[in-house]
PDB file of N, CA and C in Angstrom:
ATOM      1  N   MET A   1      84.384  92.983 112.484  1.00  0.00           N
ATOM      2  CA  MET A   1      85.736  92.309 112.931  1.00  0.00           C
ATOM      3  C   MET A   1      86.789  92.361 111.737  1.00  0.00           C
ATOM      4  N   LEU A   2      87.846  92.723 112.033  1.00  0.00           N
ATOM      5  CA  LEU A   2      88.949  92.716 111.254  1.00  0.00           C
ATOM      6  C   LEU A   2      89.846  91.418 111.475  1.00  0.00           C
ATOM      7  N   GLY A   3      90.361  90.941 110.494  1.00  0.00           N
ATOM      8  CA  GLY A   3      91.419  89.630 110.596  1.00  0.00           C
ATOM      9  C   GLY A   3      92.009  89.419 109.412  1.00  0.00           C
ATOM     10  N   ASP A   4      92.687  88.273 109.504  1.00  0.00           N
ATOM     11  CA  ASP A   4      93.387  87.934 108.289  1.00  0.00           C
ATOM     12  C   ASP A   4      92.540  86.854 107.409  1.00  0.00           C
ATOM     13  N   GLU A   5      91.562  87.437 106.729  1.00  0.00           N
ATOM     14  CA  GLU A   5      90.927  86.656 105.784  1.00  0.00           C
ATOM     15  C   GLU A   5      90.623  87.504 104.611  1.00  0.00           C
ATOM     16  N   GLU A   6      90.435  86.793 103.422  1.00  0.00           N
ATOM     17  CA  GLU A   6      90.197  87.457 102.244  1.00  0.00           C
ATOM     18  C   GLU A   6      88.830  88.307 102.226  1.00  0.00           C
ATOM     19  N   ALA A   7      88.839  89.283 101.751  1.00  0.00           N
ATOM     20  CA  ALA A   7      87.548  90.131 101.539  1.00  0.00           C
ATOM     21  C   ALA A   7      87.498  90.889 100.206  1.00  0.00           C
ATOM     22  N   ASP A   8      86.328  90.729  99.610  1.00  0.00           N
ATOM     23  CA  ASP A   8      86.109  91.662  98.300  1.00  0.00           C
ATOM     24  C   ASP A   8      86.220  93.045  98.636  1.00  0.00           C
ATOM     25  N   THR A   9      86.221  93.915  97.719  1.00  0.00           N
ATOM     26  CA  THR A   9      86.524  95.363  97.940  1.00  0.00           C
ATOM     27  C   THR A   9      85.513  95.975  98.717  1.00  0.00           C
ATOM     28  N   ALA A  10      84.169  95.676  98.421  1.00  0.00           N
ATOM     29  CA  ALA A  10      83.052  96.235  99.217  1.00  0.00           C
ATOM     30  C   ALA A  10      83.216  95.727 100.670  1.00  0.00           C
ATOM     31  N   THR A  11      83.499  94.632 100.869  1.00  0.00           N
ATOM     32  CA  THR A  11      83.474  94.051 102.378  1.00  0.00           C
ATOM     33  C   THR A  11      84.781  94.779 103.080  1.00  0.00           C
ATOM     34  N   ALA A  12      85.869  94.882 102.155  1.00  0.00           N
ATOM     35  CA  ALA A  12      87.092  95.606 102.812  1.00  0.00           C
ATOM     36  C   ALA A  12      86.690  97.073 103.125  1.00  0.00           C
ATOM     37  N   GLN A  13      86.134  97.716 102.221  1.00  0.00           N
ATOM     38  CA  GLN A  13      85.733  99.102 102.464  1.00  0.00           C
ATOM     39  C   GLN A  13      84.782  99.286 103.710  1.00  0.00           C
ATOM     40  N   ALA A  14      83.716  98.386 103.910  1.00  0.00           N
ATOM     41  CA  ALA A  14      82.849  98.413 104.991  1.00  0.00           C
ATOM     42  C   ALA A  14      83.509  98.313 106.141  1.00  0.00           C
ATOM     43  N   ARG A  15      84.435  97.180 106.355  1.00  0.00           N
ATOM     44  CA  ARG A  15      85.174  97.003 107.597  1.00  0.00           C
ATOM     45  C   ARG A  15      86.045  98.210 107.872  1.00  0.00           C
ATOM     46  N   LEU A  16      86.720  98.718 106.955  1.00  0.00           N
ATOM     47  CA  LEU A  16      87.550  99.862 107.248  1.00  0.00           C
ATOM     48  C   LEU A  16      86.803 101.059 107.590  1.00  0.00           C
ATOM     49  N   ARG A  17      85.802 101.390 107.041  1.00  0.00           N
ATOM     50  CA  ARG A  17      84.851 102.237 107.389  1.00  0.00           C
ATOM     51  C   ARG A  17      84.447 102.344 108.929  1.00  0.00           C
ATOM     52  N   GLU A  18      83.970 101.082 109.381  1.00  0.00           N
ATOM     53  CA  GLU A  18      83.644 100.687 110.701  1.00  0.00           C
ATOM     54  C   GLU A  18      84.936 100.873 111.517  1.00  0.00           C
ATOM     55  N   ALA A  19      85.974 100.652 111.147  1.00  0.00           N
ATOM     56  CA  ALA A  19      87.242 100.697 112.155  1.00  0.00           C
ATOM     57  C   ALA A  19      87.666 102.153 112.149  1.00  0.00           C
ATOM     58  N   LEU A  20      87.420 103.050 110.933  1.00  0.00           N
ATOM     59  CA  LEU A  20      87.497 104.516 111.197  1.00  0.00           C
ATOM     60  C   LEU A  20      86.659 105.144 112.044  1.00  0.00           C
ATOM     61  N   THR A  21      85.349 104.598 112.024  1.00  0.00           N
ATOM     62  CA  THR A  21      84.472 105.350 113.017  1.00  0.00           C
ATOM     63  C   THR A  21      84.770 104.941 114.543  1.00  0.00           C
ATOM     64  N   GLY A  22      85.294 103.686 114.449  1.00  0.00           N
ATOM     65  CA  GLY A  22      85.587 103.322 115.904  1.00  0.00           C
ATOM     66  C   GLY A  22      86.580 104.204 116.694  1.00  0.00           C
ATOM     67  N   VAL A  23      87.540 104.712 115.766  1.00  0.00           N
ATOM     68  CA  VAL A  23      88.683 105.406 116.224  1.00  0.00           C
ATOM     69  C   VAL A  23      88.395 106.906 116.156  1.00  0.00           C
ATOM     70  N   GLY A  24      87.175 107.190 115.687  1.00  0.00           N
ATOM     71  CA  GLY A  24      86.686 108.789 115.923  1.00  0.00           C
ATOM     72  C   GLY A  24      86.919 109.542 114.512  1.00  0.00           C
ATOM     73  N   VAL A  25      87.116 108.800 113.448  1.00  0.00           N
ATOM     74  CA  VAL A  25      87.486 109.578 112.135  1.00  0.00           C
ATOM     75  C   VAL A  25      86.144 110.147 111.746  1.00  0.00           C
ATOM     76  N   LYS A  26      86.108 111.510 111.437  1.00  0.00           N
ATOM     77  CA  LYS A  26      84.940 112.078 110.849  1.00  0.00           C
ATOM     78  C   LYS A  26      85.066 112.314 109.324  1.00  0.00           C
ATOM     79  N   GLY A  27      83.952 112.669 108.565  1.00  0.00           N
ATOM     80  CA  GLY A  27      84.073 112.959 107.140  1.00  0.00           C
ATOM     81  C   GLY A  27      83.408 112.059 106.303  1.00  0.00           C
ATOM     82  N   ASP A  28      83.777 112.058 104.994  1.00  0.00           N
ATOM     83  CA  ASP A  28      83.367 111.051 104.055  1.00  0.00           C
ATOM     84  C   ASP A  28      84.227 109.759 104.319  1.00  0.00           C
ATOM     85  N   LEU A  29      83.555 109.010 105.086  1.00  0.00           N
ATOM     86  CA  LEU A  29      84.351 107.621 105.442  1.00  0.00           C
ATOM     87  C   LEU A  29      84.553 106.721 104.219  1.00  0.00           C
ATOM     88  N   ALA A  30      83.471 106.706 103.336  1.00  0.00           N
ATOM     89  CA  ALA A  30      83.566 105.961 102.179  1.00  0.00           C
ATOM     90  C   ALA A  30      84.828 106.380 101.204  1.00  0.00           C
ATOM     91  N   ALA A  31      84.984 107.722 101.073  1.00  0.00           N
ATOM     92  CA  ALA A  31      86.148 108.312 100.346  1.00  0.00           C
ATOM     93  C   ALA A  31      87.486 108.069 100.969  1.00  0.00           C
ATOM     94  N   ILE A  32      87.420 108.164 102.350  1.00  0.00           N
ATOM     95  CA  ILE A  32      88.635 107.862 103.042  1.00  0.00           C
ATOM     96  C   ILE A  32      89.149 106.393 102.987  1.00  0.00           C
ATOM     97  N   ALA A  33      88.126 105.505 103.272  1.00  0.00           N
ATOM     98  CA  ALA A  33      88.494 104.099 103.162  1.00  0.00           C
ATOM     99  C   ALA A  33      88.931 103.692 101.818  1.00  0.00           C
ATOM    100  N   ASP A  34      88.241 104.289 100.736  1.00  0.00           N
ATOM    101  CA  ASP A  34      88.612 103.954  99.344  1.00  0.00           C
ATOM    102  C   ASP A  34      90.114 104.359  99.172  1.00  0.00           C
ATOM    103  N   GLY A  35      90.375 105.830  99.437  1.00  0.00           N
ATOM    104  CA  GLY A  35      91.826 106.133  99.315  1.00  0.00           C
ATOM    105  C   GLY A  35      92.722 105.421  99.946  1.00  0.00           C
ATOM    106  N   LEU A  36      92.445 104.923 101.198  1.00  0.00           N
ATOM    107  CA  LEU A  36      93.522 104.121 101.945  1.00  0.00           C
ATOM    108  C   LEU A  36      93.685 102.745 101.233  1.00  0.00           C
ATOM    109  N   LEU A  37      92.665 102.075 100.818  1.00  0.00           N
ATOM    110  CA  LEU A  37      92.668 100.906 100.075  1.00  0.00           C
ATOM    111  C   LEU A  37      93.391 100.851  98.774  1.00  0.00           C
ATOM    112  N   THR A  38      93.279 102.050  98.064  1.00  0.00           N
ATOM    113  CA  THR A  38      93.767 102.139  96.680  1.00  0.00           C
ATOM    114  C   THR A  38      95.226 102.718  96.901  1.00  0.00           C
ATOM    115  N   ALA A  39      95.664 103.566  97.849  1.00  0.00           N
ATOM    116  CA  ALA A  39      96.831 104.291  98.039  1.00  0.00           C
ATOM    117  C   ALA A  39      97.887 103.207  98.506  1.00  0.00           C
ATOM    118  N   SER A  40      97.474 102.321  99.150  1.00  0.00           N
ATOM    119  CA  SER A  40      98.444 101.458  99.741  1.00  0.00           C
ATOM    120  C   SER A  40      97.978  99.964  99.511  1.00  0.00           C
ATOM    121  N   PRO A  41      98.002  99.474  98.192  1.00  0.00           N
ATOM    122  CA  PRO A  41      97.802  98.247  97.971  1.00  0.00           C
ATOM    123  C   PRO A  41      98.641  97.149  98.555  1.00  0.00           C
ATOM    124  N   ALA A  42      98.215  96.054  99.055  1.00  0.00           N
ATOM    125  CA  ALA A  42      99.196  95.108  99.773  1.00  0.00           C
ATOM    126  C   ALA A  42      98.837  93.694  99.348  1.00  0.00           C
ATOM    127  N   THR A  43      99.874  92.876  99.054  1.00  0.00           N
ATOM    128  CA  THR A  43      99.542  91.406  98.741  1.00  0.00           C
ATOM    129  C   THR A  43     100.056  90.579 100.082  1.00  0.00           C
ATOM    130  N   TRP A  44      99.431  89.561 100.290  1.00  0.00           N
ATOM    131  CA  TRP A  44      99.739  88.764 101.298  1.00  0.00           C
ATOM    132  C   TRP A  44      99.969  87.381 101.154  1.00  0.00           C
ATOM    133  N   SER A  45     100.920  86.749 101.797  1.00  0.00           N
ATOM    134  CA  SER A  45     101.433  85.276 101.636  1.00  0.00           C
ATOM    135  C   SER A  45     101.435  84.781 102.984  1.00  0.00           C
ATOM    136  N   LYS A  46     101.611  83.451 103.018  1.00  0.00           N
ATOM    137  CA  LYS A  46     101.796  82.728 104.205  1.00  0.00           C
ATOM    138  C   LYS A  46     103.098  81.850 104.371  1.00  0.00           C
ATOM    139  N   THR A  47     103.838  81.931 105.502  1.00  0.00           N
ATOM    140  CA  THR A  47     105.052  81.021 105.581  1.00  0.00           C
ATOM    141  C   THR A  47     104.662  79.714 105.749  1.00  0.00           C
ATOM    142  N   ALA A  48     105.665  78.866 105.865  1.00  0.00           N
ATOM    143  CA  ALA A  48     105.462  77.381 105.966  1.00  0.00           C
ATOM    144  C   ALA A  48     104.942  77.333 107.351  1.00  0.00           C
ATOM    145  N   GLU A  49     105.064  78.159 108.147  1.00  0.00           N
ATOM    146  CA  GLU A  49     104.465  77.904 109.585  1.00  0.00           C
ATOM    147  C   GLU A  49     103.133  78.682 109.825  1.00  0.00           C
ATOM    148  N   ALA A  50     102.341  79.122 108.707  1.00  0.00           N
ATOM    149  CA  ALA A  50     101.135  79.648 108.500  1.00  0.00           C
ATOM    150  C   ALA A  50     101.132  81.161 109.159  1.00  0.00           C
ATOM    151  N   VAL A  51     102.323  81.719 109.191  1.00  0.00           N
ATOM    152  CA  VAL A  51     102.319  83.305 109.619  1.00  0.00           C
ATOM    153  C   VAL A  51     101.939  84.070 108.247  1.00  0.00           C
ATOM    154  N   SER A  52     100.970  84.891 108.414  1.00  0.00           N
ATOM    155  CA  SER A  52     100.600  85.873 107.563  1.00  0.00           C
ATOM    156  C   SER A  52     101.807  86.919 107.345  1.00  0.00           C
ATOM    157  N   ILE A  53     102.191  87.140 105.966  1.00  0.00           N
ATOM    158  CA  ILE A  53     103.169  88.272 105.696  1.00  0.00           C
ATOM    159  C   ILE A  53     102.517  89.086 104.628  1.00  0.00           C
ATOM    160  N   CYS A  54     102.715  90.404 105.001  1.00  0.00           N
ATOM    161  CA  CYS A  54     102.238  91.548 104.055  1.00  0.00           C
ATOM    162  C   CYS A  54     103.490  91.928 103.207  1.00  0.00           C
ATOM    163  N   GLU A  55     103.243  91.850 101.898  1.00  0.00           N
ATOM    164  CA  GLU A  55     104.419  92.203 101.088  1.00  0.00           C
ATOM    165  C   GLU A  55     104.766  93.769 100.781  1.00  0.00           C
ATOM    166  N   HIS A  56     103.817  94.598 101.442  1.00  0.00           N
ATOM    167  CA  HIS A  56     104.158  95.942 101.445  1.00  0.00           C
ATOM    168  C   HIS A  56     105.306  96.372 102.051  1.00  0.00           C
ATOM    169  N   PRO A  57     106.247  97.231 101.431  1.00  0.00           N
ATOM    170  CA  PRO A  57     107.461  97.653 102.028  1.00  0.00           C
ATOM    171  C   PRO A  57     107.506  98.124 103.352  1.00  0.00           C
ATOM    172  N   SER A  58     106.450  98.998 103.799  1.00  0.00           N
ATOM    173  CA  SER A  58     106.499  99.703 105.206  1.00  0.00           C
ATOM    174  C   SER A  58     105.617  98.903 106.068  1.00  0.00           C
ATOM    175  N   SER A  59     105.165  97.669 105.890  1.00  0.00           N
ATOM    176  CA  SER A  59     104.312  96.968 106.555  1.00  0.00           C
ATOM    177  C   SER A  59     105.020  96.328 107.826  1.00  0.00           C
ATOM    178  N   ALA A  60     104.665  96.567 109.209  1.00  0.00           N
ATOM    179  CA  ALA A  60     105.282  95.819 110.236  1.00  0.00           C
ATOM    180  C   ALA A  60     105.284  94.388 110.071  1.00  0.00           C
ATOM    181  N   ARG A  61     104.294  93.933 109.385  1.00  0.00           N
ATOM    182  CA  ARG A  61     104.245  92.459 109.107  1.00  0.00           C
ATOM    183  C   ARG A  61     104.932  91.956 107.819  1.00  0.00           C
ATOM    184  N   ASN A  62     105.852  92.812 107.424  1.00  0.00           N
ATOM    185  CA  ASN A  62     106.962  92.366 106.304  1.00  0.00           C
ATOM    186  C   ASN A  62     108.303  92.262 106.907  1.00  0.00           C
ATOM    187  N   PRO A  63     108.577  90.868 106.999  1.00  0.00           N
ATOM    188  CA  PRO A  63     109.930  90.638 107.808  1.00  0.00           C
ATOM    189  C   PRO A  63     111.180  91.502 107.175  1.00  0.00           C
ATOM    190  N   ALA A  64     111.043  92.026 106.111  1.00  0.00           N
ATOM    191  CA  ALA A  64     112.030  92.901 105.438  1.00  0.00           C
ATOM    192  C   ALA A  64     111.929  94.130 105.560  1.00  0.00           C
ATOM    193  N   SER A  65     110.810  94.642 106.223  1.00  0.00           N
ATOM    194  CA  SER A  65     110.605  96.094 106.579  1.00  0.00           C
ATOM    195  C   SER A  65     111.328  96.595 107.637  1.00  0.00           C
ATOM    196  N   PRO A  66     111.970  97.866 107.610  1.00  0.00           N
ATOM    197  CA  PRO A  66     112.688  98.434 108.636  1.00  0.00           C
ATOM    198  C   PRO A  66     111.954  98.398 110.111  1.00  0.00           C
ATOM    199  N   CYS A  67     110.389  98.512 109.839  1.00  0.00           N
ATOM    200  CA  CYS A  67     109.699  98.348 111.223  1.00  0.00           C
ATOM    201  C   CYS A  67     109.135  97.091 111.428  1.00  0.00           C
ATOM    202  N   ALA A  68     109.605  95.976 110.873  1.00  0.00           N
ATOM    203  CA  ALA A  68     109.135  94.692 110.997  1.00  0.00           C
ATOM    204  C   ALA A  68     109.090  94.258 112.633  1.00  0.00           C
ATOM    205  N   LEU A  69     107.996  93.565 112.856  1.00  0.00           N
ATOM    206  CA  LEU A  69     107.714  92.936 114.165  1.00  0.00           C
ATOM    207  C   LEU A  69     108.781  91.859 114.352  1.00  0.00           C
ATOM    208  N   LYS A  70     108.969  91.493 115.374  1.00  0.00           N
ATOM    209  CA  LYS A  70     109.801  90.271 115.855  1.00  0.00           C
ATOM    210  C   LYS A  70     109.065  89.121 115.251  1.00  0.00           C
ATOM    211  N   PRO A  71     110.007  88.025 114.871  1.00  0.00           N
ATOM    212  CA  PRO A  71     109.266  86.821 114.279  1.00  0.00           C
ATOM    213  C   PRO A  71     108.279  86.292 115.445  1.00  0.00           C
ATOM    214  N   ALA A  72     108.429  86.267 116.553  1.00  0.00           N
ATOM    215  CA  ALA A  72     107.595  85.691 117.531  1.00  0.00           C
ATOM    216  C   ALA A  72     106.390  86.466 117.584  1.00  0.00           C
ATOM    217  N   ASP A  73     106.472  87.822 117.593  1.00  0.00           N
ATOM    218  CA  ASP A  73     105.312  88.630 117.327  1.00  0.00           C
ATOM    219  C   ASP A  73     104.512  88.406 116.062  1.00  0.00           C
ATOM    220  N   LEU A  74     105.107  88.226 114.984  1.00  0.00           N
ATOM    221  CA  LEU A  74     104.414  88.044 113.657  1.00  0.00           C
ATOM    222  C   LEU A  74     103.538  86.662 114.010  1.00  0.00           C
ATOM    223  N   GLN A  75     104.177  85.612 114.466  1.00  0.00           N
ATOM    224  CA  GLN A  75     103.535  84.466 114.752  1.00  0.00           C
ATOM    225  C   GLN A  75     102.282  84.618 115.703  1.00  0.00           C
ATOM    226  N   THR A  76     102.538  85.330 116.700  1.00  0.00           N
ATOM    227  CA  THR A  76     101.274  85.630 117.710  1.00  0.00           C
ATOM    228  C   THR A  76     100.219  86.343 116.949  1.00  0.00           C
ATOM    229  N   LEU A  77     100.487  87.292 116.349  1.00  0.00           N
ATOM    230  CA  LEU A  77      99.620  88.160 115.625  1.00  0.00           C
ATOM    231  C   LEU A  77      98.822  87.397 114.506  1.00  0.00           C
ATOM    232  N   SER A  78      99.516  86.611 113.884  1.00  0.00           N
ATOM    233  CA  SER A  78      98.846  85.712 112.897  1.00  0.00           C
ATOM    234  C   SER A  78      97.922  84.653 113.443  1.00  0.00           C
ATOM    235  N   ARG A  79      98.230  84.241 114.461  1.00  0.00           N
ATOM    236  CA  ARG A  79      97.322  83.377 115.383  1.00  0.00           C
ATOM    237  C   ARG A  79      96.286  84.031 115.783  1.00  0.00           C
ATOM    238  N   VAL A  80      96.412  85.158 116.395  1.00  0.00           N
ATOM    239  CA  VAL A  80      95.254  86.080 117.043  1.00  0.00           C
ATOM    240  C   VAL A  80      94.208  86.280 115.885  1.00  0.00           C
ATOM    241  N   LEU A  81      94.650  86.771 114.704  1.00  0.00           N
ATOM    242  CA  LEU A  81      93.868  87.337 113.641  1.00  0.00           C
ATOM    243  C   LEU A  81      93.415  86.298 112.775  1.00  0.00           C
ATOM    244  N   GLN A  82      93.709  85.084 112.893  1.00  0.00           N
ATOM    245  CA  GLN A  82      93.168  84.155 111.865  1.00  0.00           C
ATOM    246  C   GLN A  82      91.707  83.932 112.073  1.00  0.00           C
ATOM    247  N   PRO A  83      91.164  83.774 110.724  1.00  0.00           N
ATOM    248  CA  PRO A  83      89.691  83.644 110.707  1.00  0.00           C
ATOM    249  C   PRO A  83      89.213  82.575 111.419  1.00  0.00           C
TER     250      PRO A  83
END
């Protein structure tokens, strides 16, 4: 399961490997997952309305990003992905 919850590095890598497998990625999944996690580190925060916001500049879940989701969509996504 993927969602908005804290995870240590090993857990994050395992979940990402599972997700990559689910979409048909082949190869050294551990290396691919590690590369993705280290190449695009992100920090998260919550708004007063409990909406999870990613601080990465290209994240759709960063309201300041050019590809940001609409506020209502951010709220819905946070609600759906809450642990």
